[in-house]
Amino acid sequence: MSIPFIIFGVIYILGCFALMAAILMQKKRTAGMGSIAGMGNSSETYWDKNKSRSVEGALEKWTKIGGGVLFAYSVILCLI
C-alpha cells in the first residue's frame, strides 16, 4: 500500500464518521407517511417557515452536502 492511498482512506473514514455524527444529531421526525399529500397536520407555522435558519436546518443542509461530497469522493476513490 502506498502512502497516498492510506491518506485518502483515512480522510474517507473520517468523512464517514462526520456524516454519521451529523445524521445522529438531527431530531427524529415522527410524522412518518402521514405527512405525505396533506394527510397529516399540514399547517405552516412560524417554526416550519424559518427552519433553515435554525441549528436543525443547518444540520439538515450540511448532511445533504456531506452525503453528496462523500458519494463523489467514494466514486473518485474507486476510480483511482
PDB file of N, CA and C in Angstrom:
ATOM      1  N   MET A   1       0.840  -1.185   0.000  1.00  0.00           N
ATOM      2  CA  MET A   1       0.000   0.000   0.000  1.00  0.00           C
ATOM      3  C   MET A   1       0.882   1.245   0.000  1.00  0.00           C
ATOM      4  N   SER A   2       0.471   2.202  -0.778  1.00  0.00           N
ATOM      5  CA  SER A   2       1.236   3.439  -0.849  1.00  0.00           C
ATOM      6  C   SER A   2       0.722   4.451   0.177  1.00  0.00           C
ATOM      7  N   ILE A   3       1.526   5.412   0.478  1.00  0.00           N
ATOM      8  CA  ILE A   3       1.183   6.439   1.460  1.00  0.00           C
ATOM      9  C   ILE A   3      -0.032   7.263   1.021  1.00  0.00           C
ATOM     10  N   PRO A   4      -0.136   7.715  -0.253  1.00  0.00           N
ATOM     11  CA  PRO A   4      -1.338   8.474  -0.652  1.00  0.00           C
ATOM     12  C   PRO A   4      -2.623   7.658  -0.510  1.00  0.00           C
ATOM     13  N   PHE A   5      -2.560   6.360  -0.792  1.00  0.00           N
ATOM     14  CA  PHE A   5      -3.751   5.520  -0.648  1.00  0.00           C
ATOM     15  C   PHE A   5      -4.204   5.469   0.812  1.00  0.00           C
ATOM     16  N   ILE A   6      -3.260   5.366   1.730  1.00  0.00           N
ATOM     17  CA  ILE A   6      -3.588   5.349   3.159  1.00  0.00           C
ATOM     18  C   ILE A   6      -4.176   6.688   3.587  1.00  0.00           C
ATOM     19  N   ILE A   7      -3.604   7.785   3.113  1.00  0.00           N
ATOM     20  CA  ILE A   7      -4.101   9.121   3.472  1.00  0.00           C
ATOM     21  C   ILE A   7      -5.523   9.322   2.954  1.00  0.00           C
ATOM     22  N   PHE A   8      -5.771   8.943   1.687  1.00  0.00           N
ATOM     23  CA  PHE A   8      -7.124   9.075   1.134  1.00  0.00           C
ATOM     24  C   PHE A   8      -8.117   8.187   1.885  1.00  0.00           C
ATOM     25  N   GLY A   9      -7.680   7.013   2.298  1.00  0.00           N
ATOM     26  CA  GLY A   9      -8.543   6.113   3.058  1.00  0.00           C
ATOM     27  C   GLY A   9      -8.903   6.675   4.421  1.00  0.00           C
ATOM     28  N   VAL A  10      -7.932   7.272   5.105  1.00  0.00           N
ATOM     29  CA  VAL A  10      -8.185   7.874   6.413  1.00  0.00           C
ATOM     30  C   VAL A  10      -9.136   9.057   6.280  1.00  0.00           C
ATOM     31  N   ILE A  11      -8.949   9.872   5.240  1.00  0.00           N
ATOM     32  CA  ILE A  11      -9.858  11.003   5.005  1.00  0.00           C
ATOM     33  C   ILE A  11     -11.276  10.503   4.755  1.00  0.00           C
ATOM     34  N   TYR A  12     -11.402   9.414   4.000  1.00  0.00           N
ATOM     35  CA  TYR A  12     -12.721   8.833   3.712  1.00  0.00           C
ATOM     36  C   TYR A  12     -13.383   8.327   4.991  1.00  0.00           C
ATOM     37  N   ILE A  13     -12.636   7.643   5.839  1.00  0.00           N
ATOM     38  CA  ILE A  13     -13.199   7.123   7.087  1.00  0.00           C
ATOM     39  C   ILE A  13     -13.609   8.264   8.008  1.00  0.00           C
ATOM     40  N   LEU A  14     -12.805   9.312   8.106  1.00  0.00           N
ATOM     41  CA  LEU A  14     -13.166  10.465   8.934  1.00  0.00           C
ATOM     42  C   LEU A  14     -14.421  11.154   8.394  1.00  0.00           C
ATOM     43  N   GLY A  15     -14.543  11.223   7.069  1.00  0.00           N
ATOM     44  CA  GLY A  15     -15.754  11.789   6.474  1.00  0.00           C
ATOM     45  C   GLY A  15     -16.981  10.950   6.782  1.00  0.00           C
ATOM     46  N   CYS A  16     -16.828   9.637   6.781  1.00  0.00           N
ATOM     47  CA  CYS A  16     -17.949   8.753   7.131  1.00  0.00           C
ATOM     48  C   CYS A  16     -18.396   8.976   8.570  1.00  0.00           C
ATOM     49  N   PHE A  17     -17.432   9.081   9.484  1.00  0.00           N
ATOM     50  CA  PHE A  17     -17.783   9.316  10.882  1.00  0.00           C
ATOM     51  C   PHE A  17     -18.433  10.689  11.073  1.00  0.00           C
ATOM     52  N   ALA A  18     -17.959  11.691  10.360  1.00  0.00           N
ATOM     53  CA  ALA A  18     -18.557  13.022  10.460  1.00  0.00           C
ATOM     54  C   ALA A  18     -19.994  13.013   9.940  1.00  0.00           C
ATOM     55  N   LEU A  19     -20.238  12.293   8.840  1.00  0.00           N
ATOM     56  CA  LEU A  19     -21.591  12.206   8.303  1.00  0.00           C
ATOM     57  C   LEU A  19     -22.514  11.445   9.259  1.00  0.00           C
ATOM     58  N   MET A  20     -22.019  10.374   9.854  1.00  0.00           N
ATOM     59  CA  MET A  20     -22.827   9.634  10.834  1.00  0.00           C
ATOM     60  C   MET A  20     -23.173  10.511  12.032  1.00  0.00           C
ATOM     61  N   ALA A  21     -22.219  11.306  12.504  1.00  0.00           N
ATOM     62  CA  ALA A  21     -22.478  12.196  13.632  1.00  0.00           C
ATOM     63  C   ALA A  21     -23.526  13.243  13.280  1.00  0.00           C
ATOM     64  N   ALA A  22     -23.460  13.793  12.068  1.00  0.00           N
ATOM     65  CA  ALA A  22     -24.440  14.798  11.643  1.00  0.00           C
ATOM     66  C   ALA A  22     -25.832  14.183  11.537  1.00  0.00           C
ATOM     67  N   ILE A  23     -25.916  12.948  11.082  1.00  0.00           N
ATOM     68  CA  ILE A  23     -27.219  12.282  10.973  1.00  0.00           C
ATOM     69  C   ILE A  23     -27.784  11.994  12.346  1.00  0.00           C
ATOM     70  N   LEU A  24     -26.949  11.513  13.258  1.00  0.00           N
ATOM     71  CA  LEU A  24     -27.427  11.157  14.586  1.00  0.00           C
ATOM     72  C   LEU A  24     -27.791  12.369  15.432  1.00  0.00           C
ATOM     73  N   MET A  25     -27.245  13.547  15.126  1.00  0.00           N
ATOM     74  CA  MET A  25     -27.576  14.753  15.890  1.00  0.00           C
ATOM     75  C   MET A  25     -28.898  15.367  15.477  1.00  0.00           C
ATOM     76  N   GLN A  26     -29.462  14.927  14.362  1.00  0.00           N
ATOM     77  CA  GLN A  26     -30.721  15.503  13.911  1.00  0.00           C
ATOM     78  C   GLN A  26     -31.881  15.007  14.750  1.00  0.00           C
ATOM     79  N   LYS A  27     -32.907  15.831  14.816  1.00  0.00           N
ATOM     80  CA  LYS A  27     -34.101  15.496  15.569  1.00  0.00           C
ATOM     81  C   LYS A  27     -34.893  14.434  14.814  1.00  0.00           C
ATOM     82  N   LYS A  28     -35.442  13.477  15.556  1.00  0.00           N
ATOM     83  CA  LYS A  28     -36.227  12.427  14.936  1.00  0.00           C
ATOM     84  C   LYS A  28     -37.567  12.999  14.474  1.00  0.00           C
ATOM     85  N   ARG A  29     -37.975  12.622  13.278  1.00  0.00           N
ATOM     86  CA  ARG A  29     -39.265  13.071  12.749  1.00  0.00           C
ATOM     87  C   ARG A  29     -40.301  12.002  13.045  1.00  0.00           C
ATOM     88  N   THR A  30     -41.416  12.401  13.624  1.00  0.00           N
ATOM     89  CA  THR A  30     -42.438  11.436  13.987  1.00  0.00           C
ATOM     90  C   THR A  30     -43.635  11.463  13.062  1.00  0.00           C
ATOM     91  N   ALA A  31     -43.625  12.334  12.066  1.00  0.00           N
ATOM     92  CA  ALA A  31     -44.775  12.449  11.185  1.00  0.00           C
ATOM     93  C   ALA A  31     -44.949  11.204  10.322  1.00  0.00           C
ATOM     94  N   GLY A  32     -43.867  10.648   9.840  1.00  0.00           N
ATOM     95  CA  GLY A  32     -43.937   9.437   9.033  1.00  0.00           C
ATOM     96  C   GLY A  32     -44.651   9.650   7.718  1.00  0.00           C
ATOM     97  N   MET A  33     -45.365   8.619   7.265  1.00  0.00           N
ATOM     98  CA  MET A  33     -46.057   8.669   5.979  1.00  0.00           C
ATOM     99  C   MET A  33     -47.311   9.548   6.031  1.00  0.00           C
ATOM    100  N   GLY A  34     -47.773   9.890   7.204  1.00  0.00           N
ATOM    101  CA  GLY A  34     -48.976  10.708   7.323  1.00  0.00           C
ATOM    102  C   GLY A  34     -48.805  12.119   6.816  1.00  0.00           C
ATOM    103  N   SER A  35     -47.582  12.580   6.682  1.00  0.00           N
ATOM    104  CA  SER A  35     -47.357  13.949   6.231  1.00  0.00           C
ATOM    105  C   SER A  35     -47.373  14.078   4.712  1.00  0.00           C
ATOM    106  N   ILE A  36     -47.469  12.965   4.007  1.00  0.00           N
ATOM    107  CA  ILE A  36     -47.497  12.997   2.548  1.00  0.00           C
ATOM    108  C   ILE A  36     -48.899  13.360   2.070  1.00  0.00           C
ATOM    109  N   ALA A  37     -48.985  14.226   1.093  1.00  0.00           N
ATOM    110  CA  ALA A  37     -50.227  14.623   0.424  1.00  0.00           C
ATOM    111  C   ALA A  37     -51.232  15.249   1.374  1.00  0.00           C
ATOM    112  N   GLY A  38     -50.751  15.943   2.388  1.00  0.00           N
ATOM    113  CA  GLY A  38     -51.655  16.686   3.259  1.00  0.00           C
ATOM    114  C   GLY A  38     -52.486  15.839   4.183  1.00  0.00           C
ATOM    115  N   MET A  39     -52.134  14.596   4.390  1.00  0.00           N
ATOM    116  CA  MET A  39     -52.922  13.738   5.265  1.00  0.00           C
ATOM    117  C   MET A  39     -52.656  14.044   6.735  1.00  0.00           C
ATOM    118  N   GLY A  40     -51.488  14.548   7.058  1.00  0.00           N
ATOM    119  CA  GLY A  40     -51.148  14.861   8.437  1.00  0.00           C
ATOM    120  C   GLY A  40     -51.469  16.302   8.758  1.00  0.00           C
ATOM    121  N   ASN A  41     -50.840  16.804   9.777  1.00  0.00           N
ATOM    122  CA  ASN A  41     -51.006  18.201  10.159  1.00  0.00           C
ATOM    123  C   ASN A  41     -50.190  19.053   9.203  1.00  0.00           C
ATOM    124  N   SER A  42     -50.834  19.652   8.246  1.00  0.00           N
ATOM    125  CA  SER A  42     -50.123  20.393   7.207  1.00  0.00           C
ATOM    126  C   SER A  42     -50.110  21.893   7.439  1.00  0.00           C
ATOM    127  N   SER A  43     -50.421  22.341   8.652  1.00  0.00           N
ATOM    128  CA  SER A  43     -50.434  23.779   8.900  1.00  0.00           C
ATOM    129  C   SER A  43     -49.010  24.311   8.944  1.00  0.00           C
ATOM    130  N   GLU A  44     -48.786  25.420   8.279  1.00  0.00           N
ATOM    131  CA  GLU A  44     -47.477  26.053   8.246  1.00  0.00           C
ATOM    132  C   GLU A  44     -47.343  26.944   9.478  1.00  0.00           C
ATOM    133  N   THR A  45     -46.358  26.683  10.290  1.00  0.00           N
ATOM    134  CA  THR A  45     -46.125  27.502  11.460  1.00  0.00           C
ATOM    135  C   THR A  45     -44.911  28.388  11.211  1.00  0.00           C
ATOM    136  N   TYR A  46     -44.699  29.303  12.116  1.00  0.00           N
ATOM    137  CA  TYR A  46     -43.540  30.185  12.017  1.00  0.00           C
ATOM    138  C   TYR A  46     -42.258  29.365  12.081  1.00  0.00           C
ATOM    139  N   TRP A  47     -42.233  28.348  12.934  1.00  0.00           N
ATOM    140  CA  TRP A  47     -41.050  27.495  13.079  1.00  0.00           C
ATOM    141  C   TRP A  47     -40.762  26.740  11.787  1.00  0.00           C
ATOM    142  N   ASP A  48     -41.814  26.220  11.135  1.00  0.00           N
ATOM    143  CA  ASP A  48     -41.621  25.477   9.890  1.00  0.00           C
ATOM    144  C   ASP A  48     -41.094  26.375   8.773  1.00  0.00           C
ATOM    145  N   LYS A  49     -41.568  27.603   8.726  1.00  0.00           N
ATOM    146  CA  LYS A  49     -41.148  28.517   7.668  1.00  0.00           C
ATOM    147  C   LYS A  49     -39.709  28.971   7.840  1.00  0.00           C
ATOM    148  N   ASN A  50     -39.235  29.095   9.074  1.00  0.00           N
ATOM    149  CA  ASN A  50     -37.892  29.607   9.340  1.00  0.00           C
ATOM    150  C   ASN A  50     -36.948  28.521   9.841  1.00  0.00           C
ATOM    151  N   LYS A  51     -37.227  27.276   9.507  1.00  0.00           N
ATOM    152  CA  LYS A  51     -36.405  26.172   9.974  1.00  0.00           C
ATOM    153  C   LYS A  51     -34.988  26.231   9.416  1.00  0.00           C
ATOM    154  N   SER A  52     -34.819  26.780   8.235  1.00  0.00           N
ATOM    155  CA  SER A  52     -33.487  26.814   7.617  1.00  0.00           C
ATOM    156  C   SER A  52     -32.517  27.700   8.392  1.00  0.00           C
ATOM    157  N   ARG A  53     -33.026  28.579   9.219  1.00  0.00           N
ATOM    158  CA  ARG A  53     -32.159  29.468   9.991  1.00  0.00           C
ATOM    159  C   ARG A  53     -31.779  28.883  11.346  1.00  0.00           C
ATOM    160  N   SER A  54     -32.304  27.715  11.683  1.00  0.00           N
ATOM    161  CA  SER A  54     -32.030  27.111  12.971  1.00  0.00           C
ATOM    162  C   SER A  54     -30.883  26.112  12.874  1.00  0.00           C
ATOM    163  N   VAL A  55     -30.503  25.565  14.010  1.00  0.00           N
ATOM    164  CA  VAL A  55     -29.448  24.556  14.044  1.00  0.00           C
ATOM    165  C   VAL A  55     -29.902  23.296  13.321  1.00  0.00           C
ATOM    166  N   GLU A  56     -31.172  22.929  13.487  1.00  0.00           N
ATOM    167  CA  GLU A  56     -31.704  21.745  12.804  1.00  0.00           C
ATOM    168  C   GLU A  56     -31.642  21.903  11.285  1.00  0.00           C
ATOM    169  N   GLY A  57     -31.993  23.083  10.805  1.00  0.00           N
ATOM    170  CA  GLY A  57     -31.940  23.340   9.374  1.00  0.00           C
ATOM    171  C   GLY A  57     -30.526  23.290   8.844  1.00  0.00           C
ATOM    172  N   ALA A  58     -29.588  23.835   9.626  1.00  0.00           N
ATOM    173  CA  ALA A  58     -28.192  23.804   9.209  1.00  0.00           C
ATOM    174  C   ALA A  58     -27.668  22.368   9.193  1.00  0.00           C
ATOM    175  N   LEU A  59     -28.041  21.567  10.187  1.00  0.00           N
ATOM    176  CA  LEU A  59     -27.621  20.169  10.200  1.00  0.00           C
ATOM    177  C   LEU A  59     -28.172  19.411   9.003  1.00  0.00           C
ATOM    178  N   GLU A  60     -29.434  19.680   8.679  1.00  0.00           N
ATOM    179  CA  GLU A  60     -30.047  19.016   7.527  1.00  0.00           C
ATOM    180  C   GLU A  60     -29.346  19.395   6.230  1.00  0.00           C
ATOM    181  N   LYS A  61     -29.037  20.684   6.093  1.00  0.00           N
ATOM    182  CA  LYS A  61     -28.358  21.157   4.884  1.00  0.00           C
ATOM    183  C   LYS A  61     -26.966  20.555   4.773  1.00  0.00           C
ATOM    184  N   TRP A  62     -26.200  20.567   5.866  1.00  0.00           N
ATOM    185  CA  TRP A  62     -24.839  20.045   5.820  1.00  0.00           C
ATOM    186  C   TRP A  62     -24.806  18.527   5.692  1.00  0.00           C
ATOM    187  N   THR A  63     -25.862  17.850   6.140  1.00  0.00           N
ATOM    188  CA  THR A  63     -25.941  16.402   5.934  1.00  0.00           C
ATOM    189  C   THR A  63     -26.112  16.089   4.454  1.00  0.00           C
ATOM    190  N   LYS A  64     -26.960  16.851   3.782  1.00  0.00           N
ATOM    191  CA  LYS A  64     -27.142  16.650   2.341  1.00  0.00           C
ATOM    192  C   LYS A  64     -25.864  16.947   1.575  1.00  0.00           C
ATOM    193  N   ILE A  65     -25.214  18.050   1.912  1.00  0.00           N
ATOM    194  CA  ILE A  65     -23.971  18.416   1.238  1.00  0.00           C
ATOM    195  C   ILE A  65     -22.885  17.382   1.528  1.00  0.00           C
ATOM    196  N   GLY A  66     -22.761  16.978   2.787  1.00  0.00           N
ATOM    197  CA  GLY A  66     -21.752  15.994   3.169  1.00  0.00           C
ATOM    198  C   GLY A  66     -21.982  14.652   2.511  1.00  0.00           C
ATOM    199  N   GLY A  67     -23.245  14.248   2.388  1.00  0.00           N
ATOM    200  CA  GLY A  67     -23.552  12.990   1.707  1.00  0.00           C
ATOM    201  C   GLY A  67     -23.172  13.031   0.239  1.00  0.00           C
ATOM    202  N   GLY A  68     -23.442  14.139  -0.405  1.00  0.00           N
ATOM    203  CA  GLY A  68     -23.073  14.281  -1.810  1.00  0.00           C
ATOM    204  C   GLY A  68     -21.570  14.298  -2.015  1.00  0.00           C
ATOM    205  N   VAL A  69     -20.871  15.021  -1.151  1.00  0.00           N
ATOM    206  CA  VAL A  69     -19.411  15.086  -1.257  1.00  0.00           C
ATOM    207  C   VAL A  69     -18.795  13.719  -0.970  1.00  0.00           C
ATOM    208  N   LEU A  70     -19.316  13.023   0.038  1.00  0.00           N
ATOM    209  CA  LEU A  70     -18.792  11.703   0.365  1.00  0.00           C
ATOM    210  C   LEU A  70     -19.069  10.701  -0.751  1.00  0.00           C
ATOM    211  N   PHE A  71     -20.224  10.814  -1.382  1.00  0.00           N
ATOM    212  CA  PHE A  71     -20.543   9.946  -2.515  1.00  0.00           C
ATOM    213  C   PHE A  71     -19.576  10.198  -3.672  1.00  0.00           C
ATOM    214  N   ALA A  72     -19.363  11.468  -4.003  1.00  0.00           N
ATOM    215  CA  ALA A  72     -18.445  11.807  -5.097  1.00  0.00           C
ATOM    216  C   ALA A  72     -17.021  11.369  -4.762  1.00  0.00           C
ATOM    217  N   TYR A  73     -16.621  11.541  -3.517  1.00  0.00           N
ATOM    218  CA  TYR A  73     -15.278  11.142  -3.089  1.00  0.00           C
ATOM    219  C   TYR A  73     -15.107   9.626  -3.182  1.00  0.00           C
ATOM    220  N   SER A  74     -16.159   8.874  -2.836  1.00  0.00           N
ATOM    221  CA  SER A  74     -16.050   7.419  -2.921  1.00  0.00           C
ATOM    222  C   SER A  74     -15.981   6.945  -4.368  1.00  0.00           C
ATOM    223  N   VAL A  75     -16.694   7.616  -5.268  1.00  0.00           N
ATOM    224  CA  VAL A  75     -16.610   7.259  -6.690  1.00  0.00           C
ATOM    225  C   VAL A  75     -15.216   7.559  -7.224  1.00  0.00           C
ATOM    226  N   ILE A  76     -14.674   8.712  -6.873  1.00  0.00           N
ATOM    227  CA  ILE A  76     -13.331   9.066  -7.308  1.00  0.00           C
ATOM    228  C   ILE A  76     -12.303   8.110  -6.709  1.00  0.00           C
ATOM    229  N   LEU A  77     -12.505   7.724  -5.456  1.00  0.00           N
ATOM    230  CA  LEU A  77     -11.585   6.796  -4.810  1.00  0.00           C
ATOM    231  C   LEU A  77     -11.614   5.431  -5.465  1.00  0.00           C
ATOM    232  N   CYS A  78     -12.785   5.016  -5.946  1.00  0.00           N
ATOM    233  CA  CYS A  78     -12.883   3.732  -6.658  1.00  0.00           C
ATOM    234  C   CYS A  78     -12.177   3.781  -8.013  1.00  0.00           C
ATOM    235  N   LEU A  79     -12.200   4.930  -8.653  1.00  0.00           N
ATOM    236  CA  LEU A  79     -11.598   5.042  -9.980  1.00  0.00           C
ATOM    237  C   LEU A  79     -10.081   5.141  -9.936  1.00  0.00           C
ATOM    238  N   ILE A  80      -9.543   5.510  -8.774  1.00  0.00           N
ATOM    239  CA  ILE A  80      -8.084   5.659  -8.654  1.00  0.00           C
ATOM    240  C   ILE A  80      -7.432   4.300  -8.534  1.00  0.00           C
TER     241      ILE A  80
END
